[in-house]
PDB file of N, CA and C in Angstrom:
ATOM      1  N   MET A   1      -0.184 -77.423  34.890  1.00  0.00           N
ATOM      2  CA  MET A   1       1.149 -77.951  34.882  1.00  0.00           C
ATOM      3  C   MET A   1       1.765 -77.641  33.526  1.00  0.00           C
ATOM      4  N   LEU A   2       2.998 -77.193  33.549  1.00  0.00           N
ATOM      5  CA  LEU A   2       3.770 -76.980  32.333  1.00  0.00           C
ATOM      6  C   LEU A   2       4.933 -77.963  32.342  1.00  0.00           C
ATOM      7  N   LEU A   3       5.083 -78.715  31.265  1.00  0.00           N
ATOM      8  CA  LEU A   3       6.163 -79.688  31.151  1.00  0.00           C
ATOM      9  C   LEU A   3       6.872 -79.515  29.817  1.00  0.00           C
ATOM     10  N   THR A   4       8.180 -79.651  29.832  1.00  0.00           N
ATOM     11  CA  THR A   4       8.917 -79.738  28.578  1.00  0.00           C
ATOM     12  C   THR A   4       8.714 -81.154  28.040  1.00  0.00           C
ATOM     13  N   LEU A   5       9.063 -81.372  26.785  1.00  0.00           N
ATOM     14  CA  LEU A   5       8.954 -82.728  26.228  1.00  0.00           C
ATOM     15  C   LEU A   5       9.899 -83.681  26.951  1.00  0.00           C
ATOM     16  N   THR A   6      11.017 -83.188  27.432  1.00  0.00           N
ATOM     17  CA  THR A   6      11.938 -84.015  28.212  1.00  0.00           C
ATOM     18  C   THR A   6      11.285 -84.431  29.529  1.00  0.00           C
ATOM     19  N   GLU A   7      10.619 -83.507  30.206  1.00  0.00           N
ATOM     20  CA  GLU A   7       9.937 -83.817  31.464  1.00  0.00           C
ATOM     21  C   GLU A   7       8.756 -84.757  31.230  1.00  0.00           C
ATOM     22  N   LEU A   8       8.078 -84.587  30.102  1.00  0.00           N
ATOM     23  CA  LEU A   8       6.927 -85.428  29.772  1.00  0.00           C
ATOM     24  C   LEU A   8       7.309 -86.901  29.698  1.00  0.00           C
ATOM     25  N   LYS A   9       8.533 -87.203  29.290  1.00  0.00           N
ATOM     26  CA  LYS A   9       8.991 -88.587  29.161  1.00  0.00           C
ATOM     27  C   LYS A   9       8.875 -89.370  30.462  1.00  0.00           C
ATOM     28  N   LYS A  10       8.894 -88.687  31.592  1.00  0.00           N
ATOM     29  CA  LYS A  10       8.769 -89.351  32.902  1.00  0.00           C
ATOM     30  C   LYS A  10       7.378 -89.951  33.100  1.00  0.00           C
ATOM     31  N   TYR A  11       6.398 -89.453  32.387  1.00  0.00           N
ATOM     32  CA  TYR A  11       5.003 -89.873  32.534  1.00  0.00           C
ATOM     33  C   TYR A  11       4.654 -90.887  31.451  1.00  0.00           C
ATOM     34  N   ASN A  12       5.340 -92.023  31.497  1.00  0.00           N
ATOM     35  CA  ASN A  12       5.225 -93.029  30.443  1.00  0.00           C
ATOM     36  C   ASN A  12       4.321 -94.209  30.795  1.00  0.00           C
ATOM     37  N   GLY A  13       3.689 -94.176  31.966  1.00  0.00           N
ATOM     38  CA  GLY A  13       2.780 -95.253  32.352  1.00  0.00           C
ATOM     39  C   GLY A  13       3.476 -96.507  32.846  1.00  0.00           C
ATOM     40  N   GLN A  14       4.778 -96.469  33.012  1.00  0.00           N
ATOM     41  CA  GLN A  14       5.543 -97.623  33.466  1.00  0.00           C
ATOM     42  C   GLN A  14       5.812 -97.528  34.969  1.00  0.00           C
ATOM     43  N   ASN A  15       5.921 -98.687  35.622  1.00  0.00           N
ATOM     44  CA  ASN A  15       6.295 -98.756  37.039  1.00  0.00           C
ATOM     45  C   ASN A  15       5.423 -97.889  37.939  1.00  0.00           C
ATOM     46  N   GLY A  16       4.120 -97.879  37.662  1.00  0.00           N
ATOM     47  CA  GLY A  16       3.172 -97.146  38.496  1.00  0.00           C
ATOM     48  C   GLY A  16       3.070 -95.662  38.219  1.00  0.00           C
ATOM     49  N   LYS A  17       3.795 -95.164  37.227  1.00  0.00           N
ATOM     50  CA  LYS A  17       3.727 -93.746  36.888  1.00  0.00           C
ATOM     51  C   LYS A  17       2.500 -93.470  36.031  1.00  0.00           C
ATOM     52  N   PRO A  18       1.968 -92.244  36.091  1.00  0.00           N
ATOM     53  CA  PRO A  18       0.859 -91.885  35.209  1.00  0.00           C
ATOM     54  C   PRO A  18       1.307 -91.928  33.753  1.00  0.00           C
ATOM     55  N   ALA A  19       0.325 -92.072  32.859  1.00  0.00           N
ATOM     56  CA  ALA A  19       0.582 -92.076  31.421  1.00  0.00           C
ATOM     57  C   ALA A  19      -0.015 -90.809  30.822  1.00  0.00           C
ATOM     58  N   TYR A  20       0.856 -89.915  30.351  1.00  0.00           N
ATOM     59  CA  TYR A  20       0.433 -88.672  29.731  1.00  0.00           C
ATOM     60  C   TYR A  20       0.899 -88.655  28.279  1.00  0.00           C
ATOM     61  N   ILE A  21       0.084 -88.053  27.429  1.00  0.00           N
ATOM     62  CA  ILE A  21       0.464 -87.811  26.039  1.00  0.00           C
ATOM     63  C   ILE A  21       0.210 -86.344  25.714  1.00  0.00           C
ATOM     64  N   ALA A  22       0.946 -85.817  24.777  1.00  0.00           N
ATOM     65  CA  ALA A  22       0.736 -84.441  24.329  1.00  0.00           C
ATOM     66  C   ALA A  22       0.220 -84.448  22.898  1.00  0.00           C
ATOM     67  N   ILE A  23      -0.795 -83.624  22.665  1.00  0.00           N
ATOM     68  CA  ILE A  23      -1.361 -83.423  21.331  1.00  0.00           C
ATOM     69  C   ILE A  23      -1.551 -81.923  21.157  1.00  0.00           C
ATOM     70  N   ASP A  24      -0.941 -81.377  20.118  1.00  0.00           N
ATOM     71  CA  ASP A  24      -1.069 -79.945  19.821  1.00  0.00           C
ATOM     72  C   ASP A  24      -0.795 -79.070  21.047  1.00  0.00           C
ATOM     73  N   GLY A  25       0.216 -79.444  21.830  1.00  0.00           N
ATOM     74  CA  GLY A  25       0.638 -78.640  22.973  1.00  0.00           C
ATOM     75  C   GLY A  25      -0.142 -78.851  24.253  1.00  0.00           C
ATOM     76  N   ILE A  26      -1.178 -79.676  24.209  1.00  0.00           N
ATOM     77  CA  ILE A  26      -1.979 -79.974  25.399  1.00  0.00           C
ATOM     78  C   ILE A  26      -1.602 -81.365  25.896  1.00  0.00           C
ATOM     79  N   ILE A  27      -1.450 -81.508  27.215  1.00  0.00           N
ATOM     80  CA  ILE A  27      -1.090 -82.788  27.806  1.00  0.00           C
ATOM     81  C   ILE A  27      -2.350 -83.441  28.368  1.00  0.00           C
ATOM     82  N   TYR A  28      -2.569 -84.691  27.964  1.00  0.00           N
ATOM     83  CA  TYR A  28      -3.744 -85.455  28.377  1.00  0.00           C
ATOM     84  C   TYR A  28      -3.304 -86.649  29.229  1.00  0.00           C
ATOM     85  N   ASP A  29      -4.139 -86.994  30.208  1.00  0.00           N
ATOM     86  CA  ASP A  29      -3.897 -88.159  31.057  1.00  0.00           C
ATOM     87  C   ASP A  29      -4.630 -89.355  30.459  1.00  0.00           C
ATOM     88  N   VAL A  30      -3.873 -90.386  30.052  1.00  0.00           N
ATOM     89  CA  VAL A  30      -4.465 -91.607  29.489  1.00  0.00           C
ATOM     90  C   VAL A  30      -4.245 -92.808  30.424  1.00  0.00           C
ATOM     91  N   THR A  31      -3.889 -92.522  31.668  1.00  0.00           N
ATOM     92  CA  THR A  31      -3.561 -93.563  32.631  1.00  0.00           C
ATOM     93  C   THR A  31      -4.655 -94.611  32.762  1.00  0.00           C
ATOM     94  N   GLU A  32      -5.905 -94.186  32.827  1.00  0.00           N
ATOM     95  CA  GLU A  32      -7.024 -95.097  33.063  1.00  0.00           C
ATOM     96  C   GLU A  32      -7.718 -95.555  31.781  1.00  0.00           C
ATOM     97  N   VAL A  33      -7.166 -95.216  30.631  1.00  0.00           N
ATOM     98  CA  VAL A  33      -7.751 -95.624  29.357  1.00  0.00           C
ATOM     99  C   VAL A  33      -7.278 -97.041  29.046  1.00  0.00           C
ATOM    100  N   SER A  34      -8.210 -97.957  28.885  1.00  0.00           N
ATOM    101  CA  SER A  34      -7.852 -99.370  28.697  1.00  0.00           C
ATOM    102  C   SER A  34      -6.963 -99.602  27.483  1.00  0.00           C
ATOM    103  N   HIS A  35      -7.102 -98.799  26.451  1.00  0.00           N
ATOM    104  CA  HIS A  35      -6.269 -98.951  25.253  1.00  0.00           C
ATOM    105  C   HIS A  35      -4.809 -98.550  25.502  1.00  0.00           C
ATOM    106  N   TRP A  36      -4.550 -97.890  26.626  1.00  0.00           N
ATOM    107  CA  TRP A  36      -3.211 -97.425  26.972  1.00  0.00           C
ATOM    108  C   TRP A  36      -2.616 -98.229  28.126  1.00  0.00           C
ATOM    109  N   LYS A  37      -2.917 -99.525  28.191  1.00  0.00           N
ATOM    110  CA  LYS A  37      -2.393-100.379  29.264  1.00  0.00           C
ATOM    111  C   LYS A  37      -0.866-100.297  29.294  1.00  0.00           C
ATOM    112  N   ASP A  38      -0.322-100.051  30.470  1.00  0.00           N
ATOM    113  CA  ASP A  38       1.123 -99.928  30.680  1.00  0.00           C
ATOM    114  C   ASP A  38       1.758 -98.827  29.824  1.00  0.00           C
ATOM    115  N   GLY A  39       0.947 -97.840  29.405  1.00  0.00           N
ATOM    116  CA  GLY A  39       1.483 -96.698  28.671  1.00  0.00           C
ATOM    117  C   GLY A  39       1.795 -96.959  27.218  1.00  0.00           C
ATOM    118  N   ILE A  40       1.225 -98.033  26.655  1.00  0.00           N
ATOM    119  CA  ILE A  40       1.481 -98.365  25.254  1.00  0.00           C
ATOM    120  C   ILE A  40       0.151 -98.579  24.526  1.00  0.00           C
ATOM    121  N   HIS A  41       0.043 -98.006  23.327  1.00  0.00           N
ATOM    122  CA  HIS A  41      -1.167 -98.153  22.510  1.00  0.00           C
ATOM    123  C   HIS A  41      -0.757 -98.241  21.044  1.00  0.00           C
ATOM    124  N   ASN A  42      -1.019 -99.372  20.425  1.00  0.00           N
ATOM    125  CA  ASN A  42      -0.723 -99.566  18.993  1.00  0.00           C
ATOM    126  C   ASN A  42       0.690 -99.124  18.616  1.00  0.00           C
ATOM    127  N   GLY A  43       1.650 -99.503  19.432  1.00  0.00           N
ATOM    128  CA  GLY A  43       3.041 -99.187  19.141  1.00  0.00           C
ATOM    129  C   GLY A  43       3.485 -97.792  19.541  1.00  0.00           C
ATOM    130  N   GLN A  44       2.582 -96.999  20.080  1.00  0.00           N
ATOM    131  CA  GLN A  44       2.923 -95.654  20.551  1.00  0.00           C
ATOM    132  C   GLN A  44       3.103 -95.701  22.071  1.00  0.00           C
ATOM    133  N   ASN A  45       4.070 -94.957  22.559  1.00  0.00           N
ATOM    134  CA  ASN A  45       4.344 -94.915  23.991  1.00  0.00           C
ATOM    135  C   ASN A  45       3.881 -93.603  24.592  1.00  0.00           C
ATOM    136  N   ALA A  46       3.325 -93.682  25.798  1.00  0.00           N
ATOM    137  CA  ALA A  46       2.976 -92.480  26.547  1.00  0.00           C
ATOM    138  C   ALA A  46       4.270 -91.764  26.926  1.00  0.00           C
ATOM    139  N   GLY A  47       4.128 -90.515  27.331  1.00  0.00           N
ATOM    140  CA  GLY A  47       5.289 -89.718  27.687  1.00  0.00           C
ATOM    141  C   GLY A  47       5.881 -88.993  26.496  1.00  0.00           C
ATOM    142  N   ARG A  48       5.097 -88.875  25.430  1.00  0.00           N
ATOM    143  CA  ARG A  48       5.592 -88.264  24.190  1.00  0.00           C
ATOM    144  C   ARG A  48       4.556 -87.333  23.579  1.00  0.00           C
ATOM    145  N   ASP A  49       5.023 -86.527  22.652  1.00  0.00           N
ATOM    146  CA  ASP A  49       4.130 -85.719  21.827  1.00  0.00           C
ATOM    147  C   ASP A  49       3.686 -86.604  20.666  1.00  0.00           C
ATOM    148  N   LEU A  50       2.411 -86.894  20.615  1.00  0.00           N
ATOM    149  CA  LEU A  50       1.874 -87.798  19.597  1.00  0.00           C
ATOM    150  C   LEU A  50       1.005 -87.075  18.571  1.00  0.00           C
ATOM    151  N   THR A  51       1.237 -85.792  18.395  1.00  0.00           N
ATOM    152  CA  THR A  51       0.463 -85.005  17.436  1.00  0.00           C
ATOM    153  C   THR A  51       0.547 -85.610  16.038  1.00  0.00           C
ATOM    154  N   ASP A  52       1.755 -85.889  15.577  1.00  0.00           N
ATOM    155  CA  ASP A  52       1.915 -86.448  14.230  1.00  0.00           C
ATOM    156  C   ASP A  52       1.299 -87.839  14.119  1.00  0.00           C
ATOM    157  N   ALA A  53       1.445 -88.640  15.171  1.00  0.00           N
ATOM    158  CA  ALA A  53       0.876 -89.992  15.168  1.00  0.00           C
ATOM    159  C   ALA A  53      -0.649 -89.932  15.083  1.00  0.00           C
ATOM    160  N   LEU A  54      -1.263 -88.991  15.795  1.00  0.00           N
ATOM    161  CA  LEU A  54      -2.724 -88.868  15.768  1.00  0.00           C
ATOM    162  C   LEU A  54      -3.179 -88.424  14.378  1.00  0.00           C
ATOM    163  N   ASN A  55      -2.426 -87.556  13.751  1.00  0.00           N
ATOM    164  CA  ASN A  55      -2.795 -87.100  12.407  1.00  0.00           C
ATOM    165  C   ASN A  55      -2.769 -88.239  11.400  1.00  0.00           C
ATOM    166  N   GLY A  56      -1.965 -89.269  11.641  1.00  0.00           N
ATOM    167  CA  GLY A  56      -1.898 -90.410  10.739  1.00  0.00           C
ATOM    168  C   GLY A  56      -2.720 -91.605  11.198  1.00  0.00           C
ATOM    169  N   ALA A  57      -3.479 -91.437  12.286  1.00  0.00           N
ATOM    170  CA  ALA A  57      -4.265 -92.542  12.850  1.00  0.00           C
ATOM    171  C   ALA A  57      -5.571 -92.739  12.081  1.00  0.00           C
ATOM    172  N   PRO A  58      -6.160 -93.934  12.202  1.00  0.00           N
ATOM    173  CA  PRO A  58      -7.430 -94.194  11.513  1.00  0.00           C
ATOM    174  C   PRO A  58      -8.622 -93.489  12.177  1.00  0.00           C
ATOM    175  N   HIS A  59      -8.387 -92.813  13.282  1.00  0.00           N
ATOM    176  CA  HIS A  59      -9.444 -92.052  13.966  1.00  0.00           C
ATOM    177  C   HIS A  59      -8.990 -90.608  14.062  1.00  0.00           C
ATOM    178  N   GLY A  60      -9.891 -89.746  14.440  1.00  0.00           N
ATOM    179  CA  GLY A  60      -9.566 -88.327  14.557  1.00  0.00           C
ATOM    180  C   GLY A  60      -9.419 -87.894  16.001  1.00  0.00           C
ATOM    181  N   ASN A  61      -9.478 -86.590  16.191  1.00  0.00           N
ATOM    182  CA  ASN A  61      -9.314 -86.002  17.525  1.00  0.00           C
ATOM    183  C   ASN A  61     -10.456 -86.329  18.485  1.00  0.00           C
ATOM    184  N   GLU A  62     -11.514 -86.961  17.983  1.00  0.00           N
ATOM    185  CA  GLU A  62     -12.633 -87.299  18.881  1.00  0.00           C
ATOM    186  C   GLU A  62     -12.190 -88.231  20.001  1.00  0.00           C
ATOM    187  N   VAL A  63     -11.088 -88.955  19.825  1.00  0.00           N
ATOM    188  CA  VAL A  63     -10.607 -89.854  20.878  1.00  0.00           C
ATOM    189  C   VAL A  63     -10.106 -89.074  22.091  1.00  0.00           C
ATOM    190  N   LEU A  64      -9.891 -87.780  21.940  1.00  0.00           N
ATOM    191  CA  LEU A  64      -9.431 -86.948  23.053  1.00  0.00           C
ATOM    192  C   LEU A  64     -10.577 -86.467  23.929  1.00  0.00           C
ATOM    193  N   GLU A  65     -11.798 -86.552  23.409  1.00  0.00           N
ATOM    194  CA  GLU A  65     -12.964 -86.097  24.164  1.00  0.00           C
ATOM    195  C   GLU A  65     -13.103 -86.915  25.440  1.00  0.00           C
ATOM    196  N   GLY A  66     -13.278 -86.243  26.534  1.00  0.00           N
ATOM    197  CA  GLY A  66     -13.446 -86.917  27.812  1.00  0.00           C
ATOM    198  C   GLY A  66     -12.150 -87.182  28.548  1.00  0.00           C
ATOM    199  N   LEU A  67     -11.005 -86.991  27.891  1.00  0.00           N
ATOM    200  CA  LEU A  67      -9.736 -87.164  28.587  1.00  0.00           C
ATOM    201  C   LEU A  67      -9.445 -85.932  29.440  1.00  0.00           C
ATOM    202  N   GLU A  68      -8.842 -86.161  30.588  1.00  0.00           N
ATOM    203  CA  GLU A  68      -8.480 -85.052  31.454  1.00  0.00           C
ATOM    204  C   GLU A  68      -7.276 -84.320  30.888  1.00  0.00           C
ATOM    205  N   LYS A  69      -7.413 -83.013  30.750  1.00  0.00           N
ATOM    206  CA  LYS A  69      -6.290 -82.162  30.345  1.00  0.00           C
ATOM    207  C   LYS A  69      -5.524 -81.811  31.613  1.00  0.00           C
ATOM    208  N   VAL A  70      -4.255 -82.214  31.648  1.00  0.00           N
ATOM    209  CA  VAL A  70      -3.482 -82.004  32.876  1.00  0.00           C
ATOM    210  C   VAL A  70      -2.429 -80.910  32.741  1.00  0.00           C
ATOM    211  N   GLY A  71      -2.249 -80.371  31.551  1.00  0.00           N
ATOM    212  CA  GLY A  71      -1.275 -79.305  31.397  1.00  0.00           C
ATOM    213  C   GLY A  71      -0.979 -78.968  29.956  1.00  0.00           C
ATOM    214  N   ASN A  72       0.132 -78.270  29.802  1.00  0.00           N
ATOM    215  CA  ASN A  72       0.571 -77.840  28.486  1.00  0.00           C
ATOM    216  C   ASN A  72       2.073 -78.069  28.346  1.00  0.00           C
ATOM    217  N   VAL A  73       2.493 -78.187  27.093  1.00  0.00           N
ATOM    218  CA  VAL A  73       3.908 -78.353  26.798  1.00  0.00           C
ATOM    219  C   VAL A  73       4.542 -76.975  26.766  1.00  0.00           C
ATOM    220  N   LYS A  74       5.693 -76.844  27.421  1.00  0.00           N
ATOM    221  CA  LYS A  74       6.439 -75.600  27.334  1.00  0.00           C
ATOM    222  C   LYS A  74       7.698 -75.834  26.519  1.00  0.00           C
ATOM    223  N   MET A  75       8.131 -74.810  25.864  1.00  0.00           N
ATOM    224  CA  MET A  75       9.312 -74.896  25.004  1.00  0.00           C
ATOM    225  C   MET A  75      10.549 -75.109  25.880  1.00  0.00           C
ATOM    226  N   GLU A  76      11.468 -75.920  25.369  1.00  0.00           N
ATOM    227  CA  GLU A  76      12.708 -76.179  26.114  1.00  0.00           C
ATOM    228  C   GLU A  76      13.734 -75.122  25.800  1.00  0.00           C
TER     229      GLU A  76
END
């Protein structure tokens, strides 16, 4: 699946929608991750590119291990 960042916003984990996040151009499904209940985790919302947020997080990219890769971000 290829999604623009505008299209990615639809996947915010609200109202029964899946929760997707983008990191370094890859889109991950966090719908079933308990830390992402209702598409929100530590003030961050699903449906966005969170590359910069992850770089400033107290953890590294290891949190992406095991997440399903569902697509890539395409340029708008």
